[in-house]
Amino acid sequence: MANNKIVCLGGGTGTSVALSGLKKYSCDLSAIVSMADDGGANKIIRDEFGLLPTSDIRQCFVALAENDSTSEQSLRKLFTYRFHKGHGFGGMTFGNLFMVALTDIFGSQIEAIKKTSEILKIKGKILPITLTDSKLAAVYENGEKVVGEHLIDEPKHDGSLKITELSLEPPSEAYPEAVKAILESDVVVIGPGDLYTSLISGLVVKGISEALMATQAKVAYVLNLMTKYGQTSGFTARNHIEILEKYLGKGCLDYILVNSGPIPQEALKKYEEAKEALIYDDLKDDYFKIIRSDLLSNKEIKEIPGDSLKRSFIRHDSDKLAKVIMENICPVAVKN
């Protein structure tokens, strides 16, 4: 039987977690990556080099890279190395600079992505969701408008304000290869990731929601573990689905994956201090099927020197998530 064609759609750490587990199975993987990030190192890449953000792409490269030999493991470590001394490179990763250099050498970011894929021997394809240089714009319930993914992700206003509309300025068109991958896939995995800045930031790209509604693939949404201050404060699981479907279209989702594993009390206290909380599971089987399973990683999340961005205290487990996807959603589940 032919391998499953699986598309992972999103951005940042969440998508890389899903990819890390799925690459261990015999399947054709494609990562469709959000291009909305404009904070930290990506601000420099966008403002000084005039390029699309590379950090989310870099994380997907690391997730899909071969790591069988010592040299390949060293290359992965080099790619994730973050400069934390001095002022010029502070916070920048080697992988981001590497892709900037390849873009200059080969004349386009698409070629740079292809060359990096070859060098790291990745198991799959990485596709930007768009080639349009756009900024994410959010309108809040009080009428305030904020432009910039980093300002939405780490708000300076009251983080309990709800977002009423998300868009891209200027409007962006989907990268044709990304649309093709969705239409030809067997399974599309959306998330995990921040609802607005990682997931809906991709759905507002013209052509993406349309492709997801048109595909014959099974579409699965991986619900986040916790709410996100400034984006989903007070949201239940049902609220997440309702907002996602506002941009995706109702009836598109076939599966909702929900963590049923217990969250450590120490982590819950840290989230409470950050004004975030466990997402209340108020879902019932509807036109979609709910899969509840222990998806929680037990690995300690360590702070990386030079990383100034706020990171999560807990994450999904790559292997647990991949196992649930392959055994419950995919027609064929064969480990490499």
C-alpha atoms as a PDB file:
ATOM      1  CA  MET A   1       0.000   0.000   0.000  1.00  0.00           C
ATOM      2  CA  ALA A   2       1.168   3.552  -0.712  1.00  0.00           C
ATOM      3  CA  ASN A   3       2.469   5.710   2.129  1.00  0.00           C
ATOM      4  CA  ASN A   4       0.076   8.145   3.772  1.00  0.00           C
ATOM      5  CA  LYS A   5       0.490  11.704   2.573  1.00  0.00           C
ATOM      6  CA  ILE A   6       0.378  13.821   5.715  1.00  0.00           C
ATOM      7  CA  VAL A   7       0.418  17.620   5.850  1.00  0.00           C
ATOM      8  CA  CYS A   8       1.188  19.444   9.107  1.00  0.00           C
ATOM      9  CA  LEU A   9      -0.071  23.012   9.058  1.00  0.00           C
ATOM     10  CA  GLY A  10       0.888  25.674  11.580  1.00  0.00           C
ATOM     11  CA  GLY A  11       4.009  27.277  12.900  1.00  0.00           C
ATOM     12  CA  GLY A  12       6.620  27.323  15.595  1.00  0.00           C
ATOM     13  CA  THR A  13       7.197  24.677  18.207  1.00  0.00           C
ATOM     14  CA  GLY A  14       3.792  22.974  17.900  1.00  0.00           C
ATOM     15  CA  THR A  15       4.214  21.938  14.285  1.00  0.00           C
ATOM     16  CA  SER A  16       7.797  20.810  14.894  1.00  0.00           C
ATOM     17  CA  VAL A  17       6.559  18.573  17.736  1.00  0.00           C
ATOM     18  CA  ALA A  18       4.066  16.851  15.426  1.00  0.00           C
ATOM     19  CA  LEU A  19       6.705  16.423  12.695  1.00  0.00           C
ATOM     20  CA  SER A  20       9.302  14.933  15.082  1.00  0.00           C
ATOM     21  CA  GLY A  21       7.012  12.022  15.885  1.00  0.00           C
ATOM     22  CA  LEU A  22       5.460  11.482  12.463  1.00  0.00           C
ATOM     23  CA  LYS A  23       8.837  11.254  10.682  1.00  0.00           C
ATOM     24  CA  LYS A  24       9.424   7.931  12.481  1.00  0.00           C
ATOM     25  CA  TYR A  25       6.629   6.363  10.432  1.00  0.00           C
ATOM     26  CA  SER A  26       6.609   5.407   6.782  1.00  0.00           C
ATOM     27  CA  CYS A  27       4.698   8.386   5.371  1.00  0.00           C
ATOM     28  CA  ASP A  28       5.146  11.290   2.974  1.00  0.00           C
ATOM     29  CA  LEU A  29       5.363  14.373   5.182  1.00  0.00           C
ATOM     30  CA  SER A  30       4.892  18.007   4.218  1.00  0.00           C
ATOM     31  CA  ALA A  31       5.061  20.952   6.618  1.00  0.00           C
ATOM     32  CA  ILE A  32       3.164  24.090   5.600  1.00  0.00           C
ATOM     33  CA  VAL A  33       4.596  26.874   7.713  1.00  0.00           C
ATOM     34  CA  SER A  34       3.117  30.213   8.786  1.00  0.00           C
ATOM     35  CA  MET A  35       4.961  33.315   7.572  1.00  0.00           C
ATOM     36  CA  ALA A  36       3.491  35.818  10.038  1.00  0.00           C
ATOM     37  CA  ASP A  37       6.244  35.944  12.690  1.00  0.00           C
ATOM     38  CA  ASP A  38       7.865  39.365  13.012  1.00  0.00           C
ATOM     39  CA  GLY A  39       9.385  39.316  16.492  1.00  0.00           C
ATOM     40  CA  GLY A  40      12.881  38.645  17.800  1.00  0.00           C
ATOM     41  CA  ALA A  41      15.340  37.486  15.136  1.00  0.00           C
ATOM     42  CA  ASN A  42      12.594  37.490  12.511  1.00  0.00           C
ATOM     43  CA  LYS A  43      12.212  41.256  12.862  1.00  0.00           C
ATOM     44  CA  ILE A  44      15.867  41.648  11.867  1.00  0.00           C
ATOM     45  CA  ILE A  45      15.472  39.202   8.967  1.00  0.00           C
ATOM     46  CA  ARG A  46      12.403  41.055   7.692  1.00  0.00           C
ATOM     47  CA  ASP A  47      13.584  44.627   8.309  1.00  0.00           C
ATOM     48  CA  GLU A  48      17.279  44.396   7.443  1.00  0.00           C
ATOM     49  CA  PHE A  49      17.328  41.652   4.801  1.00  0.00           C
ATOM     50  CA  GLY A  50      13.834  42.091   3.325  1.00  0.00           C
ATOM     51  CA  LEU A  51      13.122  38.362   3.672  1.00  0.00           C
ATOM     52  CA  LEU A  52      10.246  36.295   4.983  1.00  0.00           C
ATOM     53  CA  PRO A  53      10.679  34.976   8.563  1.00  0.00           C
ATOM     54  CA  THR A  54      12.801  31.848   8.936  1.00  0.00           C
ATOM     55  CA  SER A  55      12.463  30.770  12.592  1.00  0.00           C
ATOM     56  CA  ASP A  56       9.402  28.532  12.160  1.00  0.00           C
ATOM     57  CA  ILE A  57      10.933  26.999   9.035  1.00  0.00           C
ATOM     58  CA  ARG A  58      14.162  26.378  10.953  1.00  0.00           C
ATOM     59  CA  GLN A  59      12.296  24.513  13.698  1.00  0.00           C
ATOM     60  CA  CYS A  60      10.649  22.291  11.091  1.00  0.00           C
ATOM     61  CA  PHE A  61      14.034  21.579   9.499  1.00  0.00           C
ATOM     62  CA  VAL A  62      15.403  20.429  12.847  1.00  0.00           C
ATOM     63  CA  ALA A  63      12.319  18.270  13.472  1.00  0.00           C
ATOM     64  CA  LEU A  64      12.609  16.508  10.105  1.00  0.00           C
ATOM     65  CA  ALA A  65      16.409  16.239   9.939  1.00  0.00           C
ATOM     66  CA  GLU A  66      18.191  12.889   9.993  1.00  0.00           C
ATOM     67  CA  ASN A  67      19.936  12.209  13.299  1.00  0.00           C
ATOM     68  CA  ASP A  68      21.321   8.727  12.824  1.00  0.00           C
ATOM     69  CA  SER A  69      25.016   9.614  12.714  1.00  0.00           C
ATOM     70  CA  THR A  70      27.223  11.727  14.977  1.00  0.00           C
ATOM     71  CA  SER A  71      27.872  14.235  12.176  1.00  0.00           C
ATOM     72  CA  GLU A  72      24.148  14.641  11.498  1.00  0.00           C
ATOM     73  CA  GLN A  73      23.460  15.203  15.204  1.00  0.00           C
ATOM     74  CA  SER A  74      26.216  17.823  15.284  1.00  0.00           C
ATOM     75  CA  LEU A  75      24.689  19.582  12.291  1.00  0.00           C
ATOM     76  CA  ARG A  76      21.286  19.689  14.021  1.00  0.00           C
ATOM     77  CA  LYS A  77      22.892  21.190  17.148  1.00  0.00           C
ATOM     78  CA  LEU A  78      24.694  23.769  15.027  1.00  0.00           C
ATOM     79  CA  PHE A  79      21.458  24.679  13.280  1.00  0.00           C
ATOM     80  CA  THR A  80      19.699  25.317  16.612  1.00  0.00           C
ATOM     81  CA  TYR A  81      22.607  27.175  18.220  1.00  0.00           C
ATOM     82  CA  ARG A  82      21.505  30.589  19.481  1.00  0.00           C
ATOM     83  CA  PHE A  83      24.093  33.346  19.886  1.00  0.00           C
ATOM     84  CA  HIS A  84      23.915  34.771  23.407  1.00  0.00           C
ATOM     85  CA  LYS A  85      27.078  36.864  23.697  1.00  0.00           C
ATOM     86  CA  GLY A  86      27.760  40.315  22.316  1.00  0.00           C
ATOM     87  CA  HIS A  87      25.198  42.694  20.850  1.00  0.00           C
ATOM     88  CA  GLY A  88      25.212  42.205  17.081  1.00  0.00           C
ATOM     89  CA  PHE A  89      24.080  38.542  16.980  1.00  0.00           C
ATOM     90  CA  GLY A  90      22.371  38.317  20.372  1.00  0.00           C
ATOM     91  CA  GLY A  91      19.266  36.085  20.141  1.00  0.00           C
ATOM     92  CA  MET A  92      19.939  35.033  16.534  1.00  0.00           C
ATOM     93  CA  THR A  93      20.284  31.344  15.668  1.00  0.00           C
ATOM     94  CA  PHE A  94      22.912  29.926  13.345  1.00  0.00           C
ATOM     95  CA  GLY A  95      20.139  28.265  11.335  1.00  0.00           C
ATOM     96  CA  ASN A  96      18.473  31.599  10.580  1.00  0.00           C
ATOM     97  CA  LEU A  97      21.758  33.139   9.418  1.00  0.00           C
ATOM     98  CA  PHE A  98      22.505  30.013   7.389  1.00  0.00           C
ATOM     99  CA  MET A  99      19.237  30.367   5.448  1.00  0.00           C
ATOM    100  CA  VAL A 100      19.775  34.101   4.945  1.00  0.00           C
ATOM    101  CA  ALA A 101      23.195  33.336   3.429  1.00  0.00           C
ATOM    102  CA  LEU A 102      21.794  30.594   1.160  1.00  0.00           C
ATOM    103  CA  THR A 103      19.056  32.957  -0.037  1.00  0.00           C
ATOM    104  CA  ASP A 104      21.699  35.491  -1.045  1.00  0.00           C
ATOM    105  CA  ILE A 105      23.774  32.805  -2.766  1.00  0.00           C
ATOM    106  CA  PHE A 106      20.937  31.145  -4.722  1.00  0.00           C
ATOM    107  CA  GLY A 107      18.703  34.168  -5.260  1.00  0.00           C
ATOM    108  CA  SER A 108      15.488  33.080  -3.516  1.00  0.00           C
ATOM    109  CA  GLN A 109      14.196  31.726  -0.232  1.00  0.00           C
ATOM    110  CA  ILE A 110      12.533  28.814  -2.022  1.00  0.00           C
ATOM    111  CA  GLU A 111      15.915  27.703  -3.362  1.00  0.00           C
ATOM    112  CA  ALA A 112      17.446  28.234   0.089  1.00  0.00           C
ATOM    113  CA  ILE A 113      14.784  25.947   1.601  1.00  0.00           C
ATOM    114  CA  LYS A 114      15.481  23.275  -1.020  1.00  0.00           C
ATOM    115  CA  LYS A 115      19.255  23.439  -0.457  1.00  0.00           C
ATOM    116  CA  THR A 116      18.861  23.309   3.337  1.00  0.00           C
ATOM    117  CA  SER A 117      16.566  20.283   2.936  1.00  0.00           C
ATOM    118  CA  GLU A 118      19.319  18.508   1.012  1.00  0.00           C
ATOM    119  CA  ILE A 119      22.047  19.416   3.493  1.00  0.00           C
ATOM    120  CA  LEU A 120      20.056  18.270   6.533  1.00  0.00           C
ATOM    121  CA  LYS A 121      18.643  15.232   4.659  1.00  0.00           C
ATOM    122  CA  ILE A 122      15.160  15.941   5.964  1.00  0.00           C
ATOM    123  CA  LYS A 123      12.384  13.325   5.846  1.00  0.00           C
ATOM    124  CA  GLY A 124       9.728  15.322   4.044  1.00  0.00           C
ATOM    125  CA  LYS A 125       9.093  18.725   2.481  1.00  0.00           C
ATOM    126  CA  ILE A 126       8.880  22.180   4.027  1.00  0.00           C
ATOM    127  CA  LEU A 127       6.688  24.729   2.282  1.00  0.00           C
ATOM    128  CA  PRO A 128       6.058  28.364   3.224  1.00  0.00           C
ATOM    129  CA  ILE A 129       2.320  29.024   3.356  1.00  0.00           C
ATOM    130  CA  THR A 130       2.796  32.206   1.305  1.00  0.00           C
ATOM    131  CA  LEU A 131       5.550  34.223  -0.359  1.00  0.00           C
ATOM    132  CA  THR A 132       3.759  37.518   0.313  1.00  0.00           C
ATOM    133  CA  ASP A 133       5.408  39.834   2.846  1.00  0.00           C
ATOM    134  CA  SER A 134       2.436  40.594   5.125  1.00  0.00           C
ATOM    135  CA  LYS A 135       1.881  41.629   8.727  1.00  0.00           C
ATOM    136  CA  LEU A 136      -0.742  40.079  10.984  1.00  0.00           C
ATOM    137  CA  ALA A 137      -3.462  42.505  12.120  1.00  0.00           C
ATOM    138  CA  ALA A 138      -5.904  41.926  14.980  1.00  0.00           C
ATOM    139  CA  VAL A 139      -9.009  43.906  15.895  1.00  0.00           C
ATOM    140  CA  TYR A 140     -10.169  43.568  19.519  1.00  0.00           C
ATOM    141  CA  GLU A 141     -13.631  43.774  21.052  1.00  0.00           C
ATOM    142  CA  ASN A 142     -12.963  47.357  22.214  1.00  0.00           C
ATOM    143  CA  GLY A 143     -12.253  48.416  18.618  1.00  0.00           C
ATOM    144  CA  GLU A 144      -8.491  48.631  19.079  1.00  0.00           C
ATOM    145  CA  LYS A 145      -6.358  47.426  16.171  1.00  0.00           C
ATOM    146  CA  VAL A 146      -2.857  46.005  16.545  1.00  0.00           C
ATOM    147  CA  VAL A 147      -0.521  45.225  13.643  1.00  0.00           C
ATOM    148  CA  GLY A 148       2.350  42.794  14.180  1.00  0.00           C
ATOM    149  CA  GLU A 149       2.417  39.169  15.264  1.00  0.00           C
ATOM    150  CA  HIS A 150       4.737  39.849  18.193  1.00  0.00           C
ATOM    151  CA  LEU A 151       2.380  42.520  19.567  1.00  0.00           C
ATOM    152  CA  ILE A 152      -0.550  40.092  19.365  1.00  0.00           C
ATOM    153  CA  ASP A 153       1.480  37.261  20.883  1.00  0.00           C
ATOM    154  CA  GLU A 154       2.736  39.354  23.804  1.00  0.00           C
ATOM    155  CA  PRO A 155       0.108  42.112  24.187  1.00  0.00           C
ATOM    156  CA  LYS A 156       0.706  45.424  25.926  1.00  0.00           C
ATOM    157  CA  HIS A 157      -3.055  45.892  26.464  1.00  0.00           C
ATOM    158  CA  ASP A 158      -5.397  43.933  28.731  1.00  0.00           C
ATOM    159  CA  GLY A 159      -4.742  40.319  27.711  1.00  0.00           C
ATOM    160  CA  SER A 160      -8.317  39.323  28.486  1.00  0.00           C
ATOM    161  CA  LEU A 161      -9.626  41.344  25.517  1.00  0.00           C
ATOM    162  CA  LYS A 162     -11.022  39.067  22.825  1.00  0.00           C
ATOM    163  CA  ILE A 163      -9.906  39.248  19.201  1.00  0.00           C
ATOM    164  CA  THR A 164     -12.879  39.823  16.920  1.00  0.00           C
ATOM    165  CA  GLU A 165     -11.084  39.776  13.560  1.00  0.00           C
ATOM    166  CA  LEU A 166      -7.718  38.637  12.245  1.00  0.00           C
ATOM    167  CA  SER A 167      -6.298  39.518   8.828  1.00  0.00           C
ATOM    168  CA  LEU A 168      -3.083  40.039   6.890  1.00  0.00           C
ATOM    169  CA  GLU A 169      -1.891  43.418   5.616  1.00  0.00           C
ATOM    170  CA  PRO A 170      -1.512  43.408   2.712  1.00  0.00           C
ATOM    171  CA  PRO A 171      -3.677  40.352   1.875  1.00  0.00           C
ATOM    172  CA  SER A 172      -1.544  37.367   0.898  1.00  0.00           C
ATOM    173  CA  GLU A 173      -1.892  34.583  -1.660  1.00  0.00           C
ATOM    174  CA  ALA A 174      -1.137  30.955  -0.835  1.00  0.00           C
ATOM    175  CA  TYR A 175       2.057  29.434  -2.209  1.00  0.00           C
ATOM    176  CA  PRO A 176       0.779  27.121  -5.007  1.00  0.00           C
ATOM    177  CA  GLU A 177       2.855  24.156  -3.792  1.00  0.00           C
ATOM    178  CA  ALA A 178       1.213  24.443  -0.368  1.00  0.00           C
ATOM    179  CA  VAL A 179      -2.272  24.318  -1.898  1.00  0.00           C
ATOM    180  CA  LYS A 180      -1.244  21.331  -4.033  1.00  0.00           C
ATOM    181  CA  ALA A 181       0.072  19.473  -0.966  1.00  0.00           C
ATOM    182  CA  ILE A 182      -3.234  19.977   0.883  1.00  0.00           C
ATOM    183  CA  LEU A 183      -5.347  18.852  -2.065  1.00  0.00           C
ATOM    184  CA  GLU A 184      -3.252  15.716  -2.609  1.00  0.00           C
ATOM    185  CA  SER A 185      -2.949  14.712   1.065  1.00  0.00           C
ATOM    186  CA  ASP A 186      -4.598  11.881   2.970  1.00  0.00           C
ATOM    187  CA  VAL A 187      -4.429  13.607   6.355  1.00  0.00           C
ATOM    188  CA  VAL A 188      -4.003  17.253   7.379  1.00  0.00           C
ATOM    189  CA  VAL A 189      -2.922  17.976  10.953  1.00  0.00           C
ATOM    190  CA  ILE A 190      -3.647  21.513  12.187  1.00  0.00           C
ATOM    191  CA  GLY A 191      -1.722  22.409  15.340  1.00  0.00           C
ATOM    192  CA  PRO A 192      -0.823  22.261  18.073  1.00  0.00           C
ATOM    193  CA  GLY A 193      -0.060  25.961  18.299  1.00  0.00           C
ATOM    194  CA  ASP A 194      -1.348  29.343  19.406  1.00  0.00           C
ATOM    195  CA  LEU A 195      -4.832  29.674  17.958  1.00  0.00           C
ATOM    196  CA  TYR A 196      -4.471  33.054  16.280  1.00  0.00           C
ATOM    197  CA  THR A 197      -0.762  33.684  15.699  1.00  0.00           C
ATOM    198  CA  SER A 198       0.246  30.143  14.651  1.00  0.00           C
ATOM    199  CA  LEU A 199      -2.912  28.601  13.146  1.00  0.00           C
ATOM    200  CA  ILE A 200      -5.436  31.211  12.000  1.00  0.00           C
ATOM    201  CA  SER A 201      -2.537  33.320  10.693  1.00  0.00           C
ATOM    202  CA  GLY A 202      -2.305  30.611   8.010  1.00  0.00           C
ATOM    203  CA  LEU A 203      -6.035  30.238   7.418  1.00  0.00           C
ATOM    204  CA  VAL A 204      -6.369  33.921   6.487  1.00  0.00           C
ATOM    205  CA  VAL A 205      -3.945  33.381   3.592  1.00  0.00           C
ATOM    206  CA  LYS A 206      -6.139  33.380   0.479  1.00  0.00           C
ATOM    207  CA  GLY A 207      -6.492  29.852  -0.909  1.00  0.00           C
ATOM    208  CA  ILE A 208      -5.661  27.865   2.243  1.00  0.00           C
ATOM    209  CA  SER A 209      -9.120  27.545   3.807  1.00  0.00           C
ATOM    210  CA  GLU A 210     -10.543  26.906   0.348  1.00  0.00           C
ATOM    211  CA  ALA A 211      -8.065  24.051  -0.184  1.00  0.00           C
ATOM    212  CA  LEU A 212      -8.882  22.553   3.230  1.00  0.00           C
ATOM    213  CA  MET A 213     -12.604  22.605   2.455  1.00  0.00           C
ATOM    214  CA  ALA A 214     -11.993  21.056  -0.977  1.00  0.00           C
ATOM    215  CA  THR A 215      -9.528  18.307  -0.029  1.00  0.00           C
ATOM    216  CA  GLN A 216     -10.599  14.684   0.414  1.00  0.00           C
ATOM    217  CA  ALA A 217      -8.119  14.380   3.284  1.00  0.00           C
ATOM    218  CA  LYS A 218      -9.132  13.767   6.873  1.00  0.00           C
ATOM    219  CA  VAL A 219      -8.541  17.010   8.779  1.00  0.00           C
ATOM    220  CA  ALA A 220      -7.454  16.763  12.419  1.00  0.00           C
ATOM    221  CA  TYR A 221      -7.073  19.603  14.912  1.00  0.00           C
ATOM    222  CA  VAL A 222      -4.732  19.160  17.891  1.00  0.00           C
ATOM    223  CA  LEU A 223      -6.163  21.216  20.732  1.00  0.00           C
ATOM    224  CA  ASN A 224      -3.677  23.208  22.788  1.00  0.00           C
ATOM    225  CA  LEU A 225      -2.947  22.155  26.354  1.00  0.00           C
ATOM    226  CA  MET A 226      -3.450  25.589  27.908  1.00  0.00           C
ATOM    227  CA  THR A 227      -5.121  28.912  27.128  1.00  0.00           C
ATOM    228  CA  LYS A 228      -2.957  31.732  25.766  1.00  0.00           C
ATOM    229  CA  TYR A 229      -2.857  35.156  27.421  1.00  0.00           C
ATOM    230  CA  GLY A 230      -3.862  37.789  24.892  1.00  0.00           C
ATOM    231  CA  GLN A 231      -5.464  35.273  22.530  1.00  0.00           C
ATOM    232  CA  THR A 232      -7.687  32.693  24.226  1.00  0.00           C
ATOM    233  CA  SER A 233      -8.116  33.785  27.855  1.00  0.00           C
ATOM    234  CA  GLY A 234     -11.125  31.986  29.321  1.00  0.00           C
ATOM    235  CA  PHE A 235     -11.645  29.844  26.201  1.00  0.00           C
ATOM    236  CA  THR A 236     -13.026  26.326  26.525  1.00  0.00           C
ATOM    237  CA  ALA A 237     -12.289  23.600  23.982  1.00  0.00           C
ATOM    238  CA  ARG A 238     -15.585  24.389  22.220  1.00  0.00           C
ATOM    239  CA  ASN A 239     -14.608  28.068  21.959  1.00  0.00           C
ATOM    240  CA  HIS A 240     -11.383  27.055  20.192  1.00  0.00           C
ATOM    241  CA  ILE A 241     -13.345  25.030  17.632  1.00  0.00           C
ATOM    242  CA  GLU A 242     -15.858  27.845  17.047  1.00  0.00           C
ATOM    243  CA  ILE A 243     -13.145  30.416  16.358  1.00  0.00           C
ATOM    244  CA  LEU A 244     -11.153  28.029  14.170  1.00  0.00           C
ATOM    245  CA  GLU A 245     -14.251  27.264  12.093  1.00  0.00           C
ATOM    246  CA  LYS A 246     -14.982  30.967  11.669  1.00  0.00           C
ATOM    247  CA  TYR A 247     -11.943  31.102   9.381  1.00  0.00           C
ATOM    248  CA  LEU A 248     -11.811  27.497   8.237  1.00  0.00           C
ATOM    249  CA  GLY A 249     -15.475  26.813   7.542  1.00  0.00           C
ATOM    250  CA  LYS A 250     -17.858  24.627   9.519  1.00  0.00           C
ATOM    251  CA  GLY A 251     -17.790  20.926   8.756  1.00  0.00           C
ATOM    252  CA  CYS A 252     -14.151  20.824   7.654  1.00  0.00           C
ATOM    253  CA  LEU A 253     -12.797  19.208  10.823  1.00  0.00           C
ATOM    254  CA  ASP A 254     -13.009  15.417  11.046  1.00  0.00           C
ATOM    255  CA  TYR A 255     -11.070  14.785  14.263  1.00  0.00           C
ATOM    256  CA  ILE A 256     -10.262  16.751  17.421  1.00  0.00           C
ATOM    257  CA  LEU A 257      -7.290  15.455  19.443  1.00  0.00           C
ATOM    258  CA  VAL A 258      -7.515  16.319  23.145  1.00  0.00           C
ATOM    259  CA  ASN A 259      -4.958  15.614  25.862  1.00  0.00           C
ATOM    260  CA  SER A 260      -6.363  13.579  28.759  1.00  0.00           C
ATOM    261  CA  GLY A 261      -3.090  13.251  30.660  1.00  0.00           C
ATOM    262  CA  PRO A 262      -2.788  15.078  34.007  1.00  0.00           C
ATOM    263  CA  ILE A 263      -0.918  18.397  34.052  1.00  0.00           C
ATOM    264  CA  PRO A 264       1.623  18.656  36.926  1.00  0.00           C
ATOM    265  CA  GLN A 265       0.546  21.040  39.681  1.00  0.00           C
ATOM    266  CA  GLU A 266       3.860  22.901  39.487  1.00  0.00           C
ATOM    267  CA  ALA A 267       3.211  23.706  35.819  1.00  0.00           C
ATOM    268  CA  LEU A 268      -0.379  24.771  36.542  1.00  0.00           C
ATOM    269  CA  LYS A 269       0.872  27.253  39.153  1.00  0.00           C
ATOM    270  CA  LYS A 270       3.337  28.762  36.675  1.00  0.00           C
ATOM    271  CA  TYR A 271       0.564  29.143  34.095  1.00  0.00           C
ATOM    272  CA  GLU A 272      -1.725  30.721  36.685  1.00  0.00           C
ATOM    273  CA  GLU A 273       0.949  33.338  37.387  1.00  0.00           C
ATOM    274  CA  ALA A 274       1.088  34.004  33.638  1.00  0.00           C
ATOM    275  CA  LYS A 275      -2.744  34.383  33.571  1.00  0.00           C
ATOM    276  CA  GLU A 276      -3.175  31.158  31.603  1.00  0.00           C
ATOM    277  CA  ALA A 277      -5.104  28.015  32.486  1.00  0.00           C
ATOM    278  CA  LEU A 278      -5.944  24.453  31.529  1.00  0.00           C
ATOM    279  CA  ILE A 279      -8.444  24.366  28.650  1.00  0.00           C
ATOM    280  CA  TYR A 280     -11.762  22.998  29.906  1.00  0.00           C
ATOM    281  CA  ASP A 281     -12.890  20.064  27.760  1.00  0.00           C
ATOM    282  CA  ASP A 282     -16.574  20.681  26.987  1.00  0.00           C
ATOM    283  CA  LEU A 283     -16.596  18.832  23.651  1.00  0.00           C
ATOM    284  CA  LYS A 284     -19.034  16.154  22.525  1.00  0.00           C
ATOM    285  CA  ASP A 285     -18.878  14.040  19.361  1.00  0.00           C
ATOM    286  CA  ASP A 286     -20.577  15.962  16.588  1.00  0.00           C
ATOM    287  CA  TYR A 287     -19.805  15.977  12.867  1.00  0.00           C
ATOM    288  CA  PHE A 288     -16.235  15.442  14.104  1.00  0.00           C
ATOM    289  CA  LYS A 289     -14.814  12.618  16.221  1.00  0.00           C
ATOM    290  CA  ILE A 290     -13.064  13.416  19.485  1.00  0.00           C
ATOM    291  CA  ILE A 291      -9.956  11.416  20.372  1.00  0.00           C
ATOM    292  CA  ARG A 292      -8.893  11.774  23.999  1.00  0.00           C
ATOM    293  CA  SER A 293      -5.497  10.397  24.962  1.00  0.00           C
ATOM    294  CA  ASP A 294      -2.488  11.160  27.133  1.00  0.00           C
ATOM    295  CA  LEU A 295      -0.516  13.403  24.767  1.00  0.00           C
ATOM    296  CA  LEU A 296       1.599  15.175  27.377  1.00  0.00           C
ATOM    297  CA  SER A 297       5.395  15.226  27.302  1.00  0.00           C
ATOM    298  CA  ASN A 298       7.232  14.494  30.556  1.00  0.00           C
ATOM    299  CA  LYS A 299      10.419  16.194  29.365  1.00  0.00           C
ATOM    300  CA  GLU A 300      11.549  19.304  31.210  1.00  0.00           C
ATOM    301  CA  ILE A 301      11.474  22.463  29.070  1.00  0.00           C
ATOM    302  CA  LYS A 302      14.855  24.101  29.561  1.00  0.00           C
ATOM    303  CA  GLU A 303      15.562  27.780  29.035  1.00  0.00           C
ATOM    304  CA  ILE A 304      17.894  28.440  26.085  1.00  0.00           C
ATOM    305  CA  PRO A 305      20.587  31.117  26.542  1.00  0.00           C
ATOM    306  CA  GLY A 306      19.894  34.127  24.328  1.00  0.00           C
ATOM    307  CA  ASP A 307      16.206  33.306  23.821  1.00  0.00           C
ATOM    308  CA  SER A 308      14.183  36.352  24.901  1.00  0.00           C
ATOM    309  CA  LEU A 309      10.763  35.050  23.842  1.00  0.00           C
ATOM    310  CA  LYS A 310       8.198  33.630  26.245  1.00  0.00           C
ATOM    311  CA  ARG A 311       7.970  29.845  25.904  1.00  0.00           C
ATOM    312  CA  SER A 312       5.528  27.224  27.174  1.00  0.00           C
ATOM    313  CA  PHE A 313       6.197  25.261  30.368  1.00  0.00           C
ATOM    314  CA  ILE A 314       4.720  22.008  29.015  1.00  0.00           C
ATOM    315  CA  ARG A 315       4.316  20.535  25.532  1.00  0.00           C
ATOM    316  CA  HIS A 316       2.748  17.688  23.615  1.00  0.00           C
ATOM    317  CA  ASP A 317       4.820  14.529  23.335  1.00  0.00           C
ATOM    318  CA  SER A 318       5.982  13.898  19.754  1.00  0.00           C
ATOM    319  CA  ASP A 319       5.760  10.117  19.899  1.00  0.00           C
ATOM    320  CA  LYS A 320       2.412   9.959  21.714  1.00  0.00           C
ATOM    321  CA  LEU A 321       0.847  12.443  19.291  1.00  0.00           C
ATOM    322  CA  ALA A 322       2.184  10.647  16.203  1.00  0.00           C
ATOM    323  CA  LYS A 323       0.994   7.262  17.497  1.00  0.00           C
ATOM    324  CA  VAL A 324      -2.564   8.547  18.000  1.00  0.00           C
ATOM    325  CA  ILE A 325      -2.615  10.138  14.538  1.00  0.00           C
ATOM    326  CA  MET A 326      -1.242   7.084  12.767  1.00  0.00           C
ATOM    327  CA  GLU A 327      -3.379   4.506  14.570  1.00  0.00           C
ATOM    328  CA  ASN A 328      -6.684   6.398  14.574  1.00  0.00           C
ATOM    329  CA  ILE A 329      -6.699   8.559  11.469  1.00  0.00           C
ATOM    330  CA  CYS A 330      -4.291   7.189   8.861  1.00  0.00           C
ATOM    331  CA  PRO A 331      -5.306   4.262   6.624  1.00  0.00           C
ATOM    332  CA  VAL A 332      -1.820   2.766   6.992  1.00  0.00           C
ATOM    333  CA  ALA A 333       0.483   3.005  10.031  1.00  0.00           C
ATOM    334  CA  VAL A 334       3.948   1.554   9.452  1.00  0.00           C
ATOM    335  CA  LYS A 335       7.001   2.561  11.485  1.00  0.00           C
ATOM    336  CA  ASN A 336      10.308   3.063   9.703  1.00  0.00           C
END
